[in-house]
Amino acid sequence: MKILVLAGTEEARILCHRLSEIKGLEVIVSLFQKILPSDYPGQIIAGGFGGTDGLVNYLQKERIGLLIDATHPYSSTINSNAMAASRKTGTEYIRLVRKKWVTGPVDKWLEFATLLQACQKIPSNSRIFAALGGKNLGRDIEEIGNSLAQSRVYLRVMEHPSFQLPPNWNMLEYTPPITLEGEKALLMKYGITHILCRNSGGEISKLKLKAGAELGLDVFMLARPCDSEGDRDFKIFSTVEELLKSRFKMGNYLFDPN
């Protein structure tokens, strides 16, 4: 059986390696941007499919038996396209999305429905550490920039955005490995007073929040997108182990212990 994995997260990478160990499966990986082939097993497709219709054509042409959406929790457009394509083609669809973070007793979080709302509530003259993903800011950067015009913003990105940042913004390159002490040192180095981020989930990503809590920083967080009604038509898993146990260990494809 051919499996198409819409990837781009650490969970997706782990899943693809685990799937490659199962006899009888051919794993195809789709990435929005190019990643070194050594990071993923199997065939890699870079750049997307061109919307729902493009994905429909690919699923039919390649006779994909299972579509696994393991993209970022905020990849709403990709999620919608994948669900629509699976319906049109009758392809089995599974979504892997990590659990969102839950505030603890020492956390100082405020959650907002939109990024602009969060930015409008951050006090002027703040020093903001923004972990948002640069490519997600393009269409709203002018309004967001105006809201934060009196503050200094440090935006951490994995790849440079295609648009120009406001003059009061600085770009920080995401450089793994990420550690708690490293995150704490980064926040202190730039005199950060507020953290601006999305509720992405994941233990590594949460280290910036743990560091912020130790420093007593306020966190302004973009809430998770609401699942559409269509999400309930498909199986959704929060961990790789849950997905593998439910879909493969009890199905026709069993793990090869060797």
C-alpha atoms as a PDB file:
ATOM      1  CA  MET A   1       0.000   0.000   0.000  1.00  0.00           C
ATOM      2  CA  LYS A   2       1.164   3.515  -0.797  1.00  0.00           C
ATOM      3  CA  ILE A   3       1.027   6.079   2.006  1.00  0.00           C
ATOM      4  CA  LEU A   4       1.336   9.817   1.458  1.00  0.00           C
ATOM      5  CA  VAL A   5       2.483  11.702   4.564  1.00  0.00           C
ATOM      6  CA  LEU A   6       2.015  15.474   4.614  1.00  0.00           C
ATOM      7  CA  ALA A   7       5.006  16.274   6.799  1.00  0.00           C
ATOM      8  CA  GLY A   8       7.044  19.142   8.223  1.00  0.00           C
ATOM      9  CA  THR A   9       6.962  18.425  11.963  1.00  0.00           C
ATOM     10  CA  GLU A  10       9.237  16.371  14.196  1.00  0.00           C
ATOM     11  CA  GLU A  11       6.356  13.959  14.748  1.00  0.00           C
ATOM     12  CA  ALA A  12       6.012  13.506  10.987  1.00  0.00           C
ATOM     13  CA  ARG A  13       9.702  12.677  10.648  1.00  0.00           C
ATOM     14  CA  ILE A  14       9.504  10.069  13.404  1.00  0.00           C
ATOM     15  CA  LEU A  15       6.319   8.621  11.917  1.00  0.00           C
ATOM     16  CA  CYS A  16       7.872   8.262   8.469  1.00  0.00           C
ATOM     17  CA  HIS A  17      10.847   6.386   9.865  1.00  0.00           C
ATOM     18  CA  ARG A  18       8.557   4.054  11.793  1.00  0.00           C
ATOM     19  CA  LEU A  19       6.330   3.447   8.773  1.00  0.00           C
ATOM     20  CA  SER A  20       9.373   2.623   6.657  1.00  0.00           C
ATOM     21  CA  GLU A  21      10.012  -0.333   8.980  1.00  0.00           C
ATOM     22  CA  ILE A  22       6.639  -1.929   8.213  1.00  0.00           C
ATOM     23  CA  LYS A  23       6.641  -4.527   5.454  1.00  0.00           C
ATOM     24  CA  GLY A  24       4.316  -3.902   2.534  1.00  0.00           C
ATOM     25  CA  LEU A  25       4.207  -0.106   2.823  1.00  0.00           C
ATOM     26  CA  GLU A  26       5.598   2.465   0.407  1.00  0.00           C
ATOM     27  CA  VAL A  27       6.002   5.838   2.124  1.00  0.00           C
ATOM     28  CA  ILE A  28       5.917   9.081   0.135  1.00  0.00           C
ATOM     29  CA  VAL A  29       6.718  12.297   2.018  1.00  0.00           C
ATOM     30  CA  SER A  30       5.381  15.721   1.054  1.00  0.00           C
ATOM     31  CA  LEU A  31       7.197  18.798   2.393  1.00  0.00           C
ATOM     32  CA  PHE A  32       6.335  22.426   1.774  1.00  0.00           C
ATOM     33  CA  GLN A  33      10.026  23.314   1.700  1.00  0.00           C
ATOM     34  CA  LYS A  34      13.072  21.267   0.796  1.00  0.00           C
ATOM     35  CA  ILE A  35      14.628  19.252   3.613  1.00  0.00           C
ATOM     36  CA  LEU A  36      17.770  17.154   3.330  1.00  0.00           C
ATOM     37  CA  PRO A  37      16.714  13.678   2.104  1.00  0.00           C
ATOM     38  CA  SER A  38      18.576  12.090   5.027  1.00  0.00           C
ATOM     39  CA  ASP A  39      15.970  13.548   7.388  1.00  0.00           C
ATOM     40  CA  TYR A  40      13.210  11.390   5.891  1.00  0.00           C
ATOM     41  CA  PRO A  41      13.078   7.905   4.400  1.00  0.00           C
ATOM     42  CA  GLY A  42      11.451   7.147   1.072  1.00  0.00           C
ATOM     43  CA  GLN A  43      10.452   9.416  -1.781  1.00  0.00           C
ATOM     44  CA  ILE A  44      10.255  13.153  -1.029  1.00  0.00           C
ATOM     45  CA  ILE A  45       8.042  15.666  -2.819  1.00  0.00           C
ATOM     46  CA  ALA A  46       8.805  19.352  -2.204  1.00  0.00           C
ATOM     47  CA  GLY A  47       6.619  22.392  -2.797  1.00  0.00           C
ATOM     48  CA  GLY A  48       3.062  21.146  -2.334  1.00  0.00           C
ATOM     49  CA  PHE A  49       0.420  20.095  -4.858  1.00  0.00           C
ATOM     50  CA  GLY A  50      -1.317  23.325  -5.832  1.00  0.00           C
ATOM     51  CA  GLY A  51      -4.422  23.120  -3.663  1.00  0.00           C
ATOM     52  CA  THR A  52      -7.183  20.538  -3.372  1.00  0.00           C
ATOM     53  CA  ASP A  53      -7.430  19.747  -7.084  1.00  0.00           C
ATOM     54  CA  GLY A  54      -3.699  19.139  -7.362  1.00  0.00           C
ATOM     55  CA  LEU A  55      -3.775  16.799  -4.380  1.00  0.00           C
ATOM     56  CA  VAL A  56      -6.806  14.977  -5.812  1.00  0.00           C
ATOM     57  CA  ASN A  57      -4.919  14.387  -9.049  1.00  0.00           C
ATOM     58  CA  TYR A  58      -1.871  13.096  -7.201  1.00  0.00           C
ATOM     59  CA  LEU A  59      -3.865  10.728  -4.982  1.00  0.00           C
ATOM     60  CA  GLN A  60      -5.592   9.262  -8.016  1.00  0.00           C
ATOM     61  CA  LYS A  61      -2.523   9.099 -10.234  1.00  0.00           C
ATOM     62  CA  GLU A  62      -0.341   7.419  -7.607  1.00  0.00           C
ATOM     63  CA  ARG A  63      -3.174   5.271  -6.221  1.00  0.00           C
ATOM     64  CA  ILE A  64      -2.512   6.379  -2.656  1.00  0.00           C
ATOM     65  CA  GLY A  65      -4.185   4.072  -0.150  1.00  0.00           C
ATOM     66  CA  LEU A  66      -3.737   6.221   2.964  1.00  0.00           C
ATOM     67  CA  LEU A  67      -3.247   9.962   3.438  1.00  0.00           C
ATOM     68  CA  ILE A  68      -1.694  11.009   6.756  1.00  0.00           C
ATOM     69  CA  ASP A  69      -1.750  14.713   7.601  1.00  0.00           C
ATOM     70  CA  ALA A  70       1.087  15.315  10.073  1.00  0.00           C
ATOM     71  CA  THR A  71       1.549  19.014   9.372  1.00  0.00           C
ATOM     72  CA  HIS A  72       1.801  21.837  11.917  1.00  0.00           C
ATOM     73  CA  PRO A  73      -1.287  22.389  14.119  1.00  0.00           C
ATOM     74  CA  TYR A  74      -1.753  25.819  12.493  1.00  0.00           C
ATOM     75  CA  SER A  75      -1.600  24.575   8.888  1.00  0.00           C
ATOM     76  CA  SER A  76      -5.339  25.126   8.449  1.00  0.00           C
ATOM     77  CA  THR A  77      -5.259  25.482   4.663  1.00  0.00           C
ATOM     78  CA  ILE A  78      -3.329  22.246   4.197  1.00  0.00           C
ATOM     79  CA  ASN A  79      -5.676  20.455   6.614  1.00  0.00           C
ATOM     80  CA  SER A  80      -8.755  21.620   4.702  1.00  0.00           C
ATOM     81  CA  ASN A  81      -7.266  20.690   1.329  1.00  0.00           C
ATOM     82  CA  ALA A  82      -6.288  17.240   2.571  1.00  0.00           C
ATOM     83  CA  MET A  83      -9.721  16.501   4.009  1.00  0.00           C
ATOM     84  CA  ALA A  84     -11.457  17.704   0.845  1.00  0.00           C
ATOM     85  CA  ALA A  85      -9.153  15.655  -1.389  1.00  0.00           C
ATOM     86  CA  SER A  86      -9.693  12.519   0.684  1.00  0.00           C
ATOM     87  CA  ARG A  87     -13.462  12.893   0.365  1.00  0.00           C
ATOM     88  CA  LYS A  88     -13.341  13.440  -3.380  1.00  0.00           C
ATOM     89  CA  THR A  89     -11.130  10.416  -3.970  1.00  0.00           C
ATOM     90  CA  GLY A  90     -12.369   8.127  -1.200  1.00  0.00           C
ATOM     91  CA  THR A  91      -8.835   7.935   0.191  1.00  0.00           C
ATOM     92  CA  GLU A  92      -8.526   7.005   3.856  1.00  0.00           C
ATOM     93  CA  TYR A  93      -7.440  10.067   5.860  1.00  0.00           C
ATOM     94  CA  ILE A  94      -5.731  10.202   9.253  1.00  0.00           C
ATOM     95  CA  ARG A  95      -4.541  13.294  11.069  1.00  0.00           C
ATOM     96  CA  LEU A  96      -1.628  13.409  13.506  1.00  0.00           C
ATOM     97  CA  VAL A  97      -1.692  16.589  15.584  1.00  0.00           C
ATOM     98  CA  ARG A  98       0.171  16.980  18.851  1.00  0.00           C
ATOM     99  CA  LYS A  99      -1.700  17.993  21.989  1.00  0.00           C
ATOM    100  CA  LYS A 100      -1.866  21.672  22.822  1.00  0.00           C
ATOM    101  CA  TRP A 101      -0.132  23.047  25.879  1.00  0.00           C
ATOM    102  CA  VAL A 102      -2.050  23.501  29.114  1.00  0.00           C
ATOM    103  CA  THR A 103      -1.161  26.298  31.506  1.00  0.00           C
ATOM    104  CA  GLY A 104       0.432  25.376  34.827  1.00  0.00           C
ATOM    105  CA  PRO A 105       0.312  27.059  38.252  1.00  0.00           C
ATOM    106  CA  VAL A 106       3.381  29.245  37.601  1.00  0.00           C
ATOM    107  CA  ASP A 107       2.523  30.168  34.009  1.00  0.00           C
ATOM    108  CA  LYS A 108       1.281  33.650  33.097  1.00  0.00           C
ATOM    109  CA  TRP A 109      -0.515  33.085  29.806  1.00  0.00           C
ATOM    110  CA  LEU A 110      -3.152  35.094  27.995  1.00  0.00           C
ATOM    111  CA  GLU A 111      -4.767  33.375  25.009  1.00  0.00           C
ATOM    112  CA  PHE A 112      -6.292  35.141  22.008  1.00  0.00           C
ATOM    113  CA  ALA A 113      -8.364  34.072  19.017  1.00  0.00           C
ATOM    114  CA  THR A 114      -6.248  36.065  16.552  1.00  0.00           C
ATOM    115  CA  LEU A 115      -2.640  37.171  16.414  1.00  0.00           C
ATOM    116  CA  LEU A 116      -3.653  40.787  15.894  1.00  0.00           C
ATOM    117  CA  GLN A 117      -5.734  40.736  19.096  1.00  0.00           C
ATOM    118  CA  ALA A 118      -2.735  39.433  21.019  1.00  0.00           C
ATOM    119  CA  CYS A 119      -0.441  42.119  19.598  1.00  0.00           C
ATOM    120  CA  GLN A 120      -2.909  44.874  20.430  1.00  0.00           C
ATOM    121  CA  LYS A 121      -2.895  43.853  24.103  1.00  0.00           C
ATOM    122  CA  ILE A 122       0.879  43.795  24.587  1.00  0.00           C
ATOM    123  CA  PRO A 123       1.972  46.955  26.451  1.00  0.00           C
ATOM    124  CA  SER A 124       3.961  49.594  24.588  1.00  0.00           C
ATOM    125  CA  ASN A 125       7.739  49.706  25.032  1.00  0.00           C
ATOM    126  CA  SER A 126       7.911  45.947  25.545  1.00  0.00           C
ATOM    127  CA  ARG A 127      10.723  43.697  24.378  1.00  0.00           C
ATOM    128  CA  ILE A 128       8.991  40.791  22.677  1.00  0.00           C
ATOM    129  CA  PHE A 129      10.268  37.348  21.780  1.00  0.00           C
ATOM    130  CA  ALA A 130       8.044  36.211  18.900  1.00  0.00           C
ATOM    131  CA  ALA A 131       7.982  32.515  17.972  1.00  0.00           C
ATOM    132  CA  LEU A 132       5.421  32.577  15.185  1.00  0.00           C
ATOM    133  CA  GLY A 133       7.004  31.261  12.008  1.00  0.00           C
ATOM    134  CA  GLY A 134       7.924  34.100   9.658  1.00  0.00           C
ATOM    135  CA  LYS A 135       5.951  32.898   6.638  1.00  0.00           C
ATOM    136  CA  ASN A 136       2.689  33.106   8.608  1.00  0.00           C
ATOM    137  CA  LEU A 137       2.938  36.869   9.119  1.00  0.00           C
ATOM    138  CA  GLY A 138       3.014  38.094   5.524  1.00  0.00           C
ATOM    139  CA  ARG A 139      -0.585  39.133   4.934  1.00  0.00           C
ATOM    140  CA  ASP A 140      -0.987  40.744   8.379  1.00  0.00           C
ATOM    141  CA  ILE A 141       2.479  42.186   8.922  1.00  0.00           C
ATOM    142  CA  GLU A 142       1.398  45.807   8.380  1.00  0.00           C
ATOM    143  CA  GLU A 143      -1.362  45.705  11.017  1.00  0.00           C
ATOM    144  CA  ILE A 144       0.744  43.661  13.414  1.00  0.00           C
ATOM    145  CA  GLY A 145       3.695  45.978  12.868  1.00  0.00           C
ATOM    146  CA  ASN A 146       1.547  49.011  13.658  1.00  0.00           C
ATOM    147  CA  SER A 147       0.301  47.394  16.876  1.00  0.00           C
ATOM    148  CA  LEU A 148       3.859  46.733  18.031  1.00  0.00           C
ATOM    149  CA  ALA A 149       5.427  49.914  16.655  1.00  0.00           C
ATOM    150  CA  GLN A 150       6.453  51.152  20.114  1.00  0.00           C
ATOM    151  CA  SER A 151       8.094  47.877  21.119  1.00  0.00           C
ATOM    152  CA  ARG A 152      11.186  45.945  20.110  1.00  0.00           C
ATOM    153  CA  VAL A 153      10.371  42.567  18.521  1.00  0.00           C
ATOM    154  CA  TYR A 154      12.752  39.615  18.158  1.00  0.00           C
ATOM    155  CA  LEU A 155      11.274  37.172  15.643  1.00  0.00           C
ATOM    156  CA  ARG A 156      12.751  33.667  15.609  1.00  0.00           C
ATOM    157  CA  VAL A 157      12.472  31.886  12.269  1.00  0.00           C
ATOM    158  CA  MET A 158      13.693  28.684  10.620  1.00  0.00           C
ATOM    159  CA  GLU A 159      13.938  30.381   7.230  1.00  0.00           C
ATOM    160  CA  HIS A 160      13.944  34.028   6.225  1.00  0.00           C
ATOM    161  CA  PRO A 161      10.503  35.485   5.447  1.00  0.00           C
ATOM    162  CA  SER A 162       9.784  36.668   1.911  1.00  0.00           C
ATOM    163  CA  PHE A 163       8.582  40.085   3.104  1.00  0.00           C
ATOM    164  CA  GLN A 164      10.346  43.006   4.772  1.00  0.00           C
ATOM    165  CA  LEU A 165      10.142  43.239   8.534  1.00  0.00           C
ATOM    166  CA  PRO A 166       9.271  46.526  10.274  1.00  0.00           C
ATOM    167  CA  PRO A 167      12.328  48.579  11.335  1.00  0.00           C
ATOM    168  CA  ASN A 168      11.836  47.788  15.030  1.00  0.00           C
ATOM    169  CA  TRP A 169      11.953  44.038  14.399  1.00  0.00           C
ATOM    170  CA  ASN A 170      15.062  41.848  14.631  1.00  0.00           C
ATOM    171  CA  MET A 171      15.334  38.378  13.160  1.00  0.00           C
ATOM    172  CA  LEU A 172      16.787  35.495  15.171  1.00  0.00           C
ATOM    173  CA  GLU A 173      17.703  32.256  13.433  1.00  0.00           C
ATOM    174  CA  TYR A 174      16.346  29.035  14.884  1.00  0.00           C
ATOM    175  CA  THR A 175      19.439  27.019  15.777  1.00  0.00           C
ATOM    176  CA  PRO A 176      18.934  23.583  17.334  1.00  0.00           C
ATOM    177  CA  PRO A 177      19.485  21.889  19.636  1.00  0.00           C
ATOM    178  CA  ILE A 178      17.067  23.829  21.826  1.00  0.00           C
ATOM    179  CA  THR A 179      17.584  23.509  25.589  1.00  0.00           C
ATOM    180  CA  LEU A 180      15.953  25.064  28.630  1.00  0.00           C
ATOM    181  CA  GLU A 181      19.146  26.839  29.654  1.00  0.00           C
ATOM    182  CA  GLY A 182      19.685  28.029  26.100  1.00  0.00           C
ATOM    183  CA  GLU A 183      16.184  29.470  25.890  1.00  0.00           C
ATOM    184  CA  LYS A 184      16.576  31.175  29.249  1.00  0.00           C
ATOM    185  CA  ALA A 185      19.910  32.681  28.200  1.00  0.00           C
ATOM    186  CA  LEU A 186      18.363  33.940  24.948  1.00  0.00           C
ATOM    187  CA  LEU A 187      15.491  35.667  26.746  1.00  0.00           C
ATOM    188  CA  MET A 188      17.887  37.297  29.195  1.00  0.00           C
ATOM    189  CA  LYS A 189      20.343  38.365  26.485  1.00  0.00           C
ATOM    190  CA  TYR A 190      17.714  40.453  24.714  1.00  0.00           C
ATOM    191  CA  GLY A 191      15.977  41.656  27.862  1.00  0.00           C
ATOM    192  CA  ILE A 192      12.692  40.041  26.846  1.00  0.00           C
ATOM    193  CA  THR A 193       9.612  41.152  28.775  1.00  0.00           C
ATOM    194  CA  HIS A 194       6.904  39.271  26.839  1.00  0.00           C
ATOM    195  CA  ILE A 195       6.646  36.084  24.768  1.00  0.00           C
ATOM    196  CA  LEU A 196       4.367  36.022  21.721  1.00  0.00           C
ATOM    197  CA  CYS A 197       3.678  32.562  20.320  1.00  0.00           C
ATOM    198  CA  ARG A 198       1.177  30.001  19.079  1.00  0.00           C
ATOM    199  CA  ASN A 199      -0.088  27.024  21.092  1.00  0.00           C
ATOM    200  CA  SER A 200       1.867  24.629  18.905  1.00  0.00           C
ATOM    201  CA  GLY A 201       2.356  21.840  21.429  1.00  0.00           C
ATOM    202  CA  GLY A 202       5.459  19.678  21.702  1.00  0.00           C
ATOM    203  CA  GLU A 203       8.073  19.343  24.423  1.00  0.00           C
ATOM    204  CA  ILE A 204      10.939  21.073  22.617  1.00  0.00           C
ATOM    205  CA  SER A 205       8.822  24.087  21.670  1.00  0.00           C
ATOM    206  CA  LYS A 206       7.566  24.359  25.237  1.00  0.00           C
ATOM    207  CA  LEU A 207      11.064  25.018  26.565  1.00  0.00           C
ATOM    208  CA  LYS A 208      10.741  28.725  25.736  1.00  0.00           C
ATOM    209  CA  LEU A 209       7.614  28.831  27.912  1.00  0.00           C
ATOM    210  CA  LYS A 210       9.345  27.038  30.773  1.00  0.00           C
ATOM    211  CA  ALA A 211      12.230  29.499  30.500  1.00  0.00           C
ATOM    212  CA  GLY A 212       9.775  32.391  30.442  1.00  0.00           C
ATOM    213  CA  ALA A 213       8.000  31.059  33.528  1.00  0.00           C
ATOM    214  CA  GLU A 214      11.301  30.897  35.428  1.00  0.00           C
ATOM    215  CA  LEU A 215      11.893  34.543  34.496  1.00  0.00           C
ATOM    216  CA  GLY A 216       8.335  35.584  35.364  1.00  0.00           C
ATOM    217  CA  LEU A 217       7.458  36.652  31.808  1.00  0.00           C
ATOM    218  CA  ASP A 218       3.954  37.154  30.460  1.00  0.00           C
ATOM    219  CA  VAL A 219       2.980  34.993  27.483  1.00  0.00           C
ATOM    220  CA  PHE A 220       0.577  36.209  24.812  1.00  0.00           C
ATOM    221  CA  MET A 221      -0.568  33.118  22.941  1.00  0.00           C
ATOM    222  CA  LEU A 222      -2.543  32.525  19.772  1.00  0.00           C
ATOM    223  CA  ALA A 223      -5.182  29.860  20.435  1.00  0.00           C
ATOM    224  CA  ARG A 224      -5.394  26.697  18.377  1.00  0.00           C
ATOM    225  CA  PRO A 225      -7.601  26.898  15.287  1.00  0.00           C
ATOM    226  CA  CYS A 226     -11.028  25.413  15.912  1.00  0.00           C
ATOM    227  CA  ASP A 227     -11.441  22.005  14.297  1.00  0.00           C
ATOM    228  CA  SER A 228     -14.003  22.100  11.531  1.00  0.00           C
ATOM    229  CA  GLU A 229     -17.013  19.813  11.658  1.00  0.00           C
ATOM    230  CA  GLY A 230     -15.354  17.725   8.969  1.00  0.00           C
ATOM    231  CA  ASP A 231     -12.549  16.739  11.338  1.00  0.00           C
ATOM    232  CA  ARG A 232     -14.967  14.442  13.121  1.00  0.00           C
ATOM    233  CA  ASP A 233     -15.267  12.248  10.027  1.00  0.00           C
ATOM    234  CA  PHE A 234     -11.657  11.125  10.379  1.00  0.00           C
ATOM    235  CA  LYS A 235      -9.397   9.522  12.933  1.00  0.00           C
ATOM    236  CA  ILE A 236      -7.250  12.028  14.804  1.00  0.00           C
ATOM    237  CA  PHE A 237      -4.253  10.992  16.912  1.00  0.00           C
ATOM    238  CA  SER A 238      -2.021  13.074  19.178  1.00  0.00           C
ATOM    239  CA  THR A 239       1.046  10.814  19.236  1.00  0.00           C
ATOM    240  CA  VAL A 240       2.911   8.637  16.763  1.00  0.00           C
ATOM    241  CA  GLU A 241       2.520   5.621  19.051  1.00  0.00           C
ATOM    242  CA  GLU A 242      -1.269   6.008  19.200  1.00  0.00           C
ATOM    243  CA  LEU A 243      -1.502   6.166  15.425  1.00  0.00           C
ATOM    244  CA  LEU A 244       0.748   3.168  14.830  1.00  0.00           C
ATOM    245  CA  LYS A 245      -0.967   1.023  17.442  1.00  0.00           C
ATOM    246  CA  SER A 246      -4.473   1.824  16.229  1.00  0.00           C
ATOM    247  CA  ARG A 247      -3.984   1.730  12.469  1.00  0.00           C
ATOM    248  CA  PHE A 248      -1.201  -0.780  11.883  1.00  0.00           C
ATOM    249  CA  LYS A 249      -0.655  -3.142  14.787  1.00  0.00           C
ATOM    250  CA  MET A 250      -4.284  -4.251  14.631  1.00  0.00           C
ATOM    251  CA  GLY A 251      -4.554  -4.097  10.831  1.00  0.00           C
ATOM    252  CA  ASN A 252      -3.129  -6.014   7.906  1.00  0.00           C
ATOM    253  CA  TYR A 253       0.383  -4.590   8.319  1.00  0.00           C
ATOM    254  CA  LEU A 254       2.275  -5.711  11.396  1.00  0.00           C
ATOM    255  CA  PHE A 255       5.593  -4.450  12.699  1.00  0.00           C
ATOM    256  CA  ASP A 256       8.648  -6.414  11.636  1.00  0.00           C
ATOM    257  CA  PRO A 257      10.655  -6.784  14.870  1.00  0.00           C
ATOM    258  CA  ASN A 258      13.827  -7.270  12.827  1.00  0.00           C
END
